[in-house]
Amino acid sequence: MSLQEENNTQNIYNKIQRIINQTDYDTSIAIVKLTENNYNEELVIKKFFGIQEKEKEKKCSTKDINQEIYKQLRYKLNNSMFDYIKRKEQN
């Protein structure tokens, strides 16, 4: 057994022990739950306690903010120009 395989086996064993310590799962159930959740022990424990994963918030980039600013400016200037032309025609 290579060093990497040995570390991987030890890592999985540690994850199983954490799951067993935090939940009332036995070893076989812990292994099944761990494999179902792609070896993410935090996710297994969260699901056991019914904690929902939060949706990641969409971060606004500076580019999006600047685009919105210029969009609003164009809208305002277009409306102002339309109003000006309308008043000019009425006079």
PDB file of N, CA and C in Angstrom:
ATOM      1  N   MET A   1       0.856  -1.173   0.000  1.00  0.00           N
ATOM      2  CA  MET A   1       0.000   0.000   0.000  1.00  0.00           C
ATOM      3  C   MET A   1       0.905   1.240   0.000  1.00  0.00           C
ATOM      4  N   SER A   2       0.628   2.164  -0.924  1.00  0.00           N
ATOM      5  CA  SER A   2       1.457   3.361  -1.015  1.00  0.00           C
ATOM      6  C   SER A   2       1.086   4.342   0.091  1.00  0.00           C
ATOM      7  N   LEU A   3       1.929   5.327   0.252  1.00  0.00           N
ATOM      8  CA  LEU A   3       1.727   6.343   1.295  1.00  0.00           C
ATOM      9  C   LEU A   3       0.449   7.139   1.029  1.00  0.00           C
ATOM     10  N   GLN A   4       0.186   7.429  -0.249  1.00  0.00           N
ATOM     11  CA  GLN A   4      -1.010   8.194  -0.597  1.00  0.00           C
ATOM     12  C   GLN A   4      -2.276   7.393  -0.284  1.00  0.00           C
ATOM     13  N   GLU A   5      -2.280   6.111  -0.623  1.00  0.00           N
ATOM     14  CA  GLU A   5      -3.438   5.265  -0.324  1.00  0.00           C
ATOM     15  C   GLU A   5      -3.642   5.145   1.180  1.00  0.00           C
ATOM     16  N   GLU A   6      -2.541   5.054   1.914  1.00  0.00           N
ATOM     17  CA  GLU A   6      -2.618   4.949   3.366  1.00  0.00           C
ATOM     18  C   GLU A   6      -3.195   6.223   3.974  1.00  0.00           C
ATOM     19  N   ASN A   7      -2.757   7.379   3.465  1.00  0.00           N
ATOM     20  CA  ASN A   7      -3.299   8.659   3.940  1.00  0.00           C
ATOM     21  C   ASN A   7      -4.773   8.793   3.589  1.00  0.00           C
ATOM     22  N   ASN A   8      -5.144   8.346   2.395  1.00  0.00           N
ATOM     23  CA  ASN A   8      -6.537   8.421   1.971  1.00  0.00           C
ATOM     24  C   ASN A   8      -7.421   7.535   2.849  1.00  0.00           C
ATOM     25  N   THR A   9      -6.949   6.328   3.149  1.00  0.00           N
ATOM     26  CA  THR A   9      -7.693   5.411   4.008  1.00  0.00           C
ATOM     27  C   THR A   9      -7.844   5.983   5.414  1.00  0.00           C
ATOM     28  N   GLN A  10      -6.776   6.563   5.929  1.00  0.00           N
ATOM     29  CA  GLN A  10      -6.816   7.178   7.261  1.00  0.00           C
ATOM     30  C   GLN A  10      -7.769   8.371   7.269  1.00  0.00           C
ATOM     31  N   ASN A  11      -7.760   9.142   6.187  1.00  0.00           N
ATOM     32  CA  ASN A  11      -8.635  10.307   6.073  1.00  0.00           C
ATOM     33  C   ASN A  11     -10.103   9.874   6.089  1.00  0.00           C
ATOM     34  N   ILE A  12     -10.437   8.831   5.335  1.00  0.00           N
ATOM     35  CA  ILE A  12     -11.817   8.325   5.303  1.00  0.00           C
ATOM     36  C   ILE A  12     -12.208   7.777   6.673  1.00  0.00           C
ATOM     37  N   TYR A  13     -11.292   7.074   7.315  1.00  0.00           N
ATOM     38  CA  TYR A  13     -11.557   6.546   8.654  1.00  0.00           C
ATOM     39  C   TYR A  13     -11.850   7.687   9.629  1.00  0.00           C
ATOM     40  N   ASN A  14     -11.069   8.767   9.551  1.00  0.00           N
ATOM     41  CA  ASN A  14     -11.296   9.933  10.426  1.00  0.00           C
ATOM     42  C   ASN A  14     -12.657  10.569  10.162  1.00  0.00           C
ATOM     43  N   LYS A  15     -13.044  10.643   8.900  1.00  0.00           N
ATOM     44  CA  LYS A  15     -14.357  11.213   8.554  1.00  0.00           C
ATOM     45  C   LYS A  15     -15.479  10.360   9.127  1.00  0.00           C
ATOM     46  N   ILE A  16     -15.334   9.049   9.011  1.00  0.00           N
ATOM     47  CA  ILE A  16     -16.354   8.131   9.558  1.00  0.00           C
ATOM     48  C   ILE A  16     -16.451   8.298  11.068  1.00  0.00           C
ATOM     49  N   GLN A  17     -15.311   8.427  11.747  1.00  0.00           N
ATOM     50  CA  GLN A  17     -15.320   8.606  13.204  1.00  0.00           C
ATOM     51  C   GLN A  17     -16.001   9.913  13.599  1.00  0.00           C
ATOM     52  N   ARG A  18     -15.760  10.986  12.826  1.00  0.00           N
ATOM     53  CA  ARG A  18     -16.424  12.268  13.117  1.00  0.00           C
ATOM     54  C   ARG A  18     -17.934  12.141  12.964  1.00  0.00           C
ATOM     55  N   ILE A  19     -18.369  11.440  11.918  1.00  0.00           N
ATOM     56  CA  ILE A  19     -19.810  11.258  11.693  1.00  0.00           C
ATOM     57  C   ILE A  19     -20.422  10.453  12.831  1.00  0.00           C
ATOM     58  N   ILE A  20     -19.758   9.393  13.234  1.00  0.00           N
ATOM     59  CA  ILE A  20     -20.264   8.554  14.321  1.00  0.00           C
ATOM     60  C   ILE A  20     -20.335   9.338  15.627  1.00  0.00           C
ATOM     61  N   ASN A  21     -19.330  10.182  15.884  1.00  0.00           N
ATOM     62  CA  ASN A  21     -19.306  10.968  17.117  1.00  0.00           C
ATOM     63  C   ASN A  21     -20.398  12.035  17.141  1.00  0.00           C
ATOM     64  N   GLN A  22     -20.714  12.603  15.984  1.00  0.00           N
ATOM     65  CA  GLN A  22     -21.672  13.706  15.932  1.00  0.00           C
ATOM     66  C   GLN A  22     -23.123  13.240  15.754  1.00  0.00           C
ATOM     67  N   THR A  23     -23.315  12.025  15.266  1.00  0.00           N
ATOM     68  CA  THR A  23     -24.662  11.522  15.004  1.00  0.00           C
ATOM     69  C   THR A  23     -24.877  10.216  15.752  1.00  0.00           C
ATOM     70  N   ASP A  24     -26.033   9.621  15.540  1.00  0.00           N
ATOM     71  CA  ASP A  24     -26.252   8.299  16.141  1.00  0.00           C
ATOM     72  C   ASP A  24     -26.152   7.195  15.086  1.00  0.00           C
ATOM     73  N   TYR A  25     -25.462   7.479  13.974  1.00  0.00           N
ATOM     74  CA  TYR A  25     -25.226   6.475  12.947  1.00  0.00           C
ATOM     75  C   TYR A  25     -24.199   5.457  13.428  1.00  0.00           C
ATOM     76  N   ASP A  26     -24.347   4.219  12.965  1.00  0.00           N
ATOM     77  CA  ASP A  26     -23.292   3.245  13.217  1.00  0.00           C
ATOM     78  C   ASP A  26     -22.338   3.279  12.018  1.00  0.00           C
ATOM     79  N   THR A  27     -21.323   2.451  12.034  1.00  0.00           N
ATOM     80  CA  THR A  27     -20.275   2.514  11.024  1.00  0.00           C
ATOM     81  C   THR A  27     -20.806   2.267   9.616  1.00  0.00           C
ATOM     82  N   SER A  28     -21.646   1.277   9.450  1.00  0.00           N
ATOM     83  CA  SER A  28     -22.144   0.943   8.107  1.00  0.00           C
ATOM     84  C   SER A  28     -22.993   2.076   7.527  1.00  0.00           C
ATOM     85  N   ILE A  29     -23.855   2.662   8.345  1.00  0.00           N
ATOM     86  CA  ILE A  29     -24.685   3.772   7.866  1.00  0.00           C
ATOM     87  C   ILE A  29     -23.815   4.987   7.574  1.00  0.00           C
ATOM     88  N   ALA A  30     -22.813   5.231   8.414  1.00  0.00           N
ATOM     89  CA  ALA A  30     -21.915   6.355   8.196  1.00  0.00           C
ATOM     90  C   ALA A  30     -21.176   6.217   6.867  1.00  0.00           C
ATOM     91  N   ILE A  31     -20.749   5.003   6.535  1.00  0.00           N
ATOM     92  CA  ILE A  31     -20.052   4.774   5.272  1.00  0.00           C
ATOM     93  C   ILE A  31     -20.987   5.027   4.090  1.00  0.00           C
ATOM     94  N   VAL A  32     -22.219   4.537   4.192  1.00  0.00           N
ATOM     95  CA  VAL A  32     -23.194   4.737   3.119  1.00  0.00           C
ATOM     96  C   VAL A  32     -23.481   6.222   2.929  1.00  0.00           C
ATOM     97  N   LYS A  33     -23.745   6.920   4.025  1.00  0.00           N
ATOM     98  CA  LYS A  33     -24.050   8.355   3.944  1.00  0.00           C
ATOM     99  C   LYS A  33     -22.857   9.142   3.411  1.00  0.00           C
ATOM    100  N   LEU A  34     -21.665   8.746   3.797  1.00  0.00           N
ATOM    101  CA  LEU A  34     -20.459   9.427   3.339  1.00  0.00           C
ATOM    102  C   LEU A  34     -20.286   9.259   1.834  1.00  0.00           C
ATOM    103  N   THR A  35     -20.500   8.062   1.336  1.00  0.00           N
ATOM    104  CA  THR A  35     -20.370   7.840  -0.107  1.00  0.00           C
ATOM    105  C   THR A  35     -21.481   8.540  -0.884  1.00  0.00           C
ATOM    106  N   GLU A  36     -22.689   8.621  -0.313  1.00  0.00           N
ATOM    107  CA  GLU A  36     -23.789   9.325  -0.980  1.00  0.00           C
ATOM    108  C   GLU A  36     -23.504  10.810  -1.120  1.00  0.00           C
ATOM    109  N   ASN A  37     -22.735  11.358  -0.190  1.00  0.00           N
ATOM    110  CA  ASN A  37     -22.455  12.797  -0.173  1.00  0.00           C
ATOM    111  C   ASN A  37     -21.036  13.114  -0.605  1.00  0.00           C
ATOM    112  N   ASN A  38     -20.465  12.277  -1.463  1.00  0.00           N
ATOM    113  CA  ASN A  38     -19.137  12.516  -2.041  1.00  0.00           C
ATOM    114  C   ASN A  38     -18.051  12.753  -0.994  1.00  0.00           C
ATOM    115  N   TYR A  39     -18.088  11.968   0.069  1.00  0.00           N
ATOM    116  CA  TYR A  39     -17.098  11.994   1.143  1.00  0.00           C
ATOM    117  C   TYR A  39     -16.997  13.365   1.831  1.00  0.00           C
ATOM    118  N   ASN A  40     -18.102  14.071   1.894  1.00  0.00           N
ATOM    119  CA  ASN A  40     -18.174  15.352   2.586  1.00  0.00           C
ATOM    120  C   ASN A  40     -18.861  15.120   3.935  1.00  0.00           C
ATOM    121  N   GLU A  41     -18.038  14.989   4.998  1.00  0.00           N
ATOM    122  CA  GLU A  41     -18.616  14.653   6.302  1.00  0.00           C
ATOM    123  C   GLU A  41     -19.450  15.791   6.875  1.00  0.00           C
ATOM    124  N   GLU A  42     -19.104  17.029   6.551  1.00  0.00           N
ATOM    125  CA  GLU A  42     -19.908  18.165   7.033  1.00  0.00           C
ATOM    126  C   GLU A  42     -21.327  18.087   6.497  1.00  0.00           C
ATOM    127  N   LEU A  43     -21.441  17.747   5.222  1.00  0.00           N
ATOM    128  CA  LEU A  43     -22.756  17.647   4.602  1.00  0.00           C
ATOM    129  C   LEU A  43     -23.584  16.526   5.219  1.00  0.00           C
ATOM    130  N   VAL A  44     -22.942  15.410   5.537  1.00  0.00           N
ATOM    131  CA  VAL A  44     -23.640  14.288   6.183  1.00  0.00           C
ATOM    132  C   VAL A  44     -24.188  14.730   7.536  1.00  0.00           C
ATOM    133  N   ILE A  45     -23.369  15.408   8.315  1.00  0.00           N
ATOM    134  CA  ILE A  45     -23.782  15.855   9.654  1.00  0.00           C
ATOM    135  C   ILE A  45     -24.880  16.907   9.552  1.00  0.00           C
ATOM    136  N   LYS A  46     -24.749  17.831   8.604  1.00  0.00           N
ATOM    137  CA  LYS A  46     -25.785  18.854   8.429  1.00  0.00           C
ATOM    138  C   LYS A  46     -27.117  18.232   8.043  1.00  0.00           C
ATOM    139  N   LYS A  47     -27.072  17.256   7.142  1.00  0.00           N
ATOM    140  CA  LYS A  47     -28.316  16.597   6.743  1.00  0.00           C
ATOM    141  C   LYS A  47     -28.932  15.836   7.911  1.00  0.00           C
ATOM    142  N   PHE A  48     -28.103  15.239   8.766  1.00  0.00           N
ATOM    143  CA  PHE A  48     -28.606  14.526   9.927  1.00  0.00           C
ATOM    144  C   PHE A  48     -29.399  15.465  10.836  1.00  0.00           C
ATOM    145  N   PHE A  49     -28.878  16.675  11.055  1.00  0.00           N
ATOM    146  CA  PHE A  49     -29.539  17.635  11.924  1.00  0.00           C
ATOM    147  C   PHE A  49     -30.590  18.472  11.203  1.00  0.00           C
ATOM    148  N   GLY A  50     -30.751  18.265   9.880  1.00  0.00           N
ATOM    149  CA  GLY A  50     -31.772  18.980   9.121  1.00  0.00           C
ATOM    150  C   GLY A  50     -31.386  20.398   8.766  1.00  0.00           C
ATOM    151  N   ILE A  51     -30.114  20.683   8.705  1.00  0.00           N
ATOM    152  CA  ILE A  51     -29.648  22.022   8.350  1.00  0.00           C
ATOM    153  C   ILE A  51     -29.611  22.124   6.832  1.00  0.00           C
ATOM    154  N   GLN A  52     -30.320  23.111   6.305  1.00  0.00           N
ATOM    155  CA  GLN A  52     -30.381  23.302   4.860  1.00  0.00           C
ATOM    156  C   GLN A  52     -29.162  24.087   4.379  1.00  0.00           C
ATOM    157  N   GLU A  53     -28.697  23.727   3.206  1.00  0.00           N
ATOM    158  CA  GLU A  53     -27.602  24.464   2.593  1.00  0.00           C
ATOM    159  C   GLU A  53     -28.130  25.809   2.117  1.00  0.00           C
ATOM    160  N   LYS A  54     -27.401  26.869   2.393  1.00  0.00           N
ATOM    161  CA  LYS A  54     -27.794  28.186   1.928  1.00  0.00           C
ATOM    162  C   LYS A  54     -27.400  28.324   0.471  1.00  0.00           C
ATOM    163  N   GLU A  55     -28.278  28.989  -0.264  1.00  0.00           N
ATOM    164  CA  GLU A  55     -27.942  29.258  -1.651  1.00  0.00           C
ATOM    165  C   GLU A  55     -26.880  30.341  -1.670  1.00  0.00           C
ATOM    166  N   LYS A  56     -25.939  30.156  -2.538  1.00  0.00           N
ATOM    167  CA  LYS A  56     -24.870  31.142  -2.629  1.00  0.00           C
ATOM    168  C   LYS A  56     -25.423  32.411  -3.225  1.00  0.00           C
ATOM    169  N   GLU A  57     -25.102  33.515  -2.567  1.00  0.00           N
ATOM    170  CA  GLU A  57     -25.588  34.795  -3.047  1.00  0.00           C
ATOM    171  C   GLU A  57     -24.803  35.211  -4.273  1.00  0.00           C
ATOM    172  N   LYS A  58     -25.523  35.797  -5.215  1.00  0.00           N
ATOM    173  CA  LYS A  58     -24.867  36.285  -6.415  1.00  0.00           C
ATOM    174  C   LYS A  58     -24.156  37.582  -6.055  1.00  0.00           C
ATOM    175  N   LYS A  59     -22.887  37.590  -6.296  1.00  0.00           N
ATOM    176  CA  LYS A  59     -22.116  38.787  -6.000  1.00  0.00           C
ATOM    177  C   LYS A  59     -22.203  39.741  -7.182  1.00  0.00           C
ATOM    178  N   CYS A  60     -22.461  40.996  -6.874  1.00  0.00           N
ATOM    179  CA  CYS A  60     -22.503  42.008  -7.915  1.00  0.00           C
ATOM    180  C   CYS A  60     -21.081  42.463  -8.191  1.00  0.00           C
ATOM    181  N   SER A  61     -20.735  42.448  -9.431  1.00  0.00           N
ATOM    182  CA  SER A  61     -19.414  42.940  -9.781  1.00  0.00           C
ATOM    183  C   SER A  61     -19.512  44.427 -10.078  1.00  0.00           C
ATOM    184  N   THR A  62     -18.387  45.060 -10.099  1.00  0.00           N
ATOM    185  CA  THR A  62     -18.344  46.486 -10.388  1.00  0.00           C
ATOM    186  C   THR A  62     -18.881  46.747 -11.784  1.00  0.00           C
ATOM    187  N   LYS A  63     -18.621  45.820 -12.678  1.00  0.00           N
ATOM    188  CA  LYS A  63     -19.098  45.972 -14.046  1.00  0.00           C
ATOM    189  C   LYS A  63     -20.620  46.020 -14.079  1.00  0.00           C
ATOM    190  N   ASP A  64     -21.291  45.159 -13.344  1.00  0.00           N
ATOM    191  CA  ASP A  64     -22.756  45.144 -13.311  1.00  0.00           C
ATOM    192  C   ASP A  64     -23.307  46.451 -12.752  1.00  0.00           C
ATOM    193  N   ILE A  65     -22.673  46.955 -11.710  1.00  0.00           N
ATOM    194  CA  ILE A  65     -23.121  48.203 -11.091  1.00  0.00           C
ATOM    195  C   ILE A  65     -22.955  49.365 -12.057  1.00  0.00           C
ATOM    196  N   ASN A  66     -21.796  49.430 -12.713  1.00  0.00           N
ATOM    197  CA  ASN A  66     -21.559  50.512 -13.674  1.00  0.00           C
ATOM    198  C   ASN A  66     -22.526  50.432 -14.852  1.00  0.00           C
ATOM    199  N   GLN A  67     -22.824  49.246 -15.322  1.00  0.00           N
ATOM    200  CA  GLN A  67     -23.776  49.100 -16.408  1.00  0.00           C
ATOM    201  C   GLN A  67     -25.147  49.621 -16.003  1.00  0.00           C
ATOM    202  N   GLU A  68     -25.563  49.325 -14.787  1.00  0.00           N
ATOM    203  CA  GLU A  68     -26.866  49.790 -14.303  1.00  0.00           C
ATOM    204  C   GLU A  68     -26.882  51.315 -14.166  1.00  0.00           C
ATOM    205  N   ILE A  69     -25.788  51.897 -13.695  1.00  0.00           N
ATOM    206  CA  ILE A  69     -25.707  53.359 -13.558  1.00  0.00           C
ATOM    207  C   ILE A  69     -25.865  54.019 -14.915  1.00  0.00           C
ATOM    208  N   TYR A  70     -25.113  53.541 -15.901  1.00  0.00           N
ATOM    209  CA  TYR A  70     -25.194  54.150 -17.235  1.00  0.00           C
ATOM    210  C   TYR A  70     -26.547  53.894 -17.896  1.00  0.00           C
ATOM    211  N   LYS A  71     -27.149  52.771 -17.627  1.00  0.00           N
ATOM    212  CA  LYS A  71     -28.476  52.477 -18.150  1.00  0.00           C
ATOM    213  C   LYS A  71     -29.478  53.495 -17.609  1.00  0.00           C
ATOM    214  N   GLN A  72     -29.406  53.764 -16.301  1.00  0.00           N
ATOM    215  CA  GLN A  72     -30.318  54.733 -15.692  1.00  0.00           C
ATOM    216  C   GLN A  72     -30.064  56.144 -16.218  1.00  0.00           C
ATOM    217  N   LEU A  73     -28.780  56.486 -16.412  1.00  0.00           N
ATOM    218  CA  LEU A  73     -28.453  57.810 -16.960  1.00  0.00           C
ATOM    219  C   LEU A  73     -29.013  57.972 -18.378  1.00  0.00           C
ATOM    220  N   ARG A  74     -28.848  56.966 -19.218  1.00  0.00           N
ATOM    221  CA  ARG A  74     -29.385  57.026 -20.581  1.00  0.00           C
ATOM    222  C   ARG A  74     -30.898  57.169 -20.552  1.00  0.00           C
ATOM    223  N   TYR A  75     -31.548  56.425 -19.679  1.00  0.00           N
ATOM    224  CA  TYR A  75     -33.004  56.490 -19.568  1.00  0.00           C
ATOM    225  C   TYR A  75     -33.441  57.901 -19.172  1.00  0.00           C
ATOM    226  N   LYS A  76     -32.776  58.463 -18.180  1.00  0.00           N
ATOM    227  CA  LYS A  76     -33.127  59.798 -17.695  1.00  0.00           C
ATOM    228  C   LYS A  76     -32.882  60.863 -18.772  1.00  0.00           C
ATOM    229  N   LEU A  77     -31.738  60.766 -19.450  1.00  0.00           N
ATOM    230  CA  LEU A  77     -31.434  61.744 -20.493  1.00  0.00           C
ATOM    231  C   LEU A  77     -32.389  61.622 -21.674  1.00  0.00           C
ATOM    232  N   ASN A  78     -32.746  60.409 -22.048  1.00  0.00           N
ATOM    233  CA  ASN A  78     -33.701  60.224 -23.148  1.00  0.00           C
ATOM    234  C   ASN A  78     -35.058  60.820 -22.800  1.00  0.00           C
ATOM    235  N   ASN A  79     -35.508  60.591 -21.581  1.00  0.00           N
ATOM    236  CA  ASN A  79     -36.797  61.160 -21.155  1.00  0.00           C
ATOM    237  C   ASN A  79     -36.738  62.676 -21.103  1.00  0.00           C
ATOM    238  N   SER A  80     -35.632  63.216 -20.627  1.00  0.00           N
ATOM    239  CA  SER A  80     -35.484  64.675 -20.565  1.00  0.00           C
ATOM    240  C   SER A  80     -35.495  65.276 -21.960  1.00  0.00           C
ATOM    241  N   MET A  81     -34.804  64.633 -22.892  1.00  0.00           N
ATOM    242  CA  MET A  81     -34.752  65.129 -24.261  1.00  0.00           C
ATOM    243  C   MET A  81     -36.125  65.032 -24.918  1.00  0.00           C
ATOM    244  N   PHE A  82     -36.852  63.939 -24.661  1.00  0.00           N
ATOM    245  CA  PHE A  82     -38.190  63.774 -25.209  1.00  0.00           C
ATOM    246  C   PHE A  82     -39.122  64.872 -24.679  1.00  0.00           C
ATOM    247  N   ASP A  83     -39.030  65.147 -23.382  1.00  0.00           N
ATOM    248  CA  ASP A  83     -39.854  66.213 -22.782  1.00  0.00           C
ATOM    249  C   ASP A  83     -39.494  67.576 -23.362  1.00  0.00           C
ATOM    250  N   TYR A  84     -38.222  67.825 -23.574  1.00  0.00           N
ATOM    251  CA  TYR A  84     -37.760  69.102 -24.128  1.00  0.00           C
ATOM    252  C   TYR A  84     -38.307  69.294 -25.543  1.00  0.00           C
ATOM    253  N   ILE A  85     -38.235  68.260 -26.351  1.00  0.00           N
ATOM    254  CA  ILE A  85     -38.728  68.339 -27.720  1.00  0.00           C
ATOM    255  C   ILE A  85     -40.239  68.563 -27.741  1.00  0.00           C
ATOM    256  N   LYS A  86     -40.949  67.906 -26.852  1.00  0.00           N
ATOM    257  CA  LYS A  86     -42.387  68.051 -26.743  1.00  0.00           C
ATOM    258  C   LYS A  86     -42.761  69.499 -26.366  1.00  0.00           C
ATOM    259  N   ARG A  87     -42.050  70.072 -25.399  1.00  0.00           N
ATOM    260  CA  ARG A  87     -42.329  71.452 -24.998  1.00  0.00           C
ATOM    261  C   ARG A  87     -41.998  72.427 -26.119  1.00  0.00           C
ATOM    262  N   LYS A  88     -40.939  72.172 -26.849  1.00  0.00           N
ATOM    263  CA  LYS A  88     -40.514  73.039 -27.939  1.00  0.00           C
ATOM    264  C   LYS A  88     -41.576  73.074 -29.043  1.00  0.00           C
ATOM    265  N   GLU A  89     -42.169  71.881 -29.325  1.00  0.00           N
ATOM    266  CA  GLU A  89     -43.207  71.800 -30.348  1.00  0.00           C
ATOM    267  C   GLU A  89     -44.476  72.503 -29.905  1.00  0.00           C
ATOM    268  N   GLN A  90     -44.788  72.486 -28.611  1.00  0.00           N
ATOM    269  CA  GLN A  90     -45.995  73.121 -28.120  1.00  0.00           C
ATOM    270  C   GLN A  90     -45.879  74.638 -28.134  1.00  0.00           C
ATOM    271  N   ASN A  91     -44.669  75.181 -28.010  1.00  0.00           N
ATOM    272  CA  ASN A  91     -44.484  76.647 -28.012  1.00  0.00           C
ATOM    273  C   ASN A  91     -44.424  77.185 -29.375  1.00  0.00           C
TER     274      ASN A  91
END
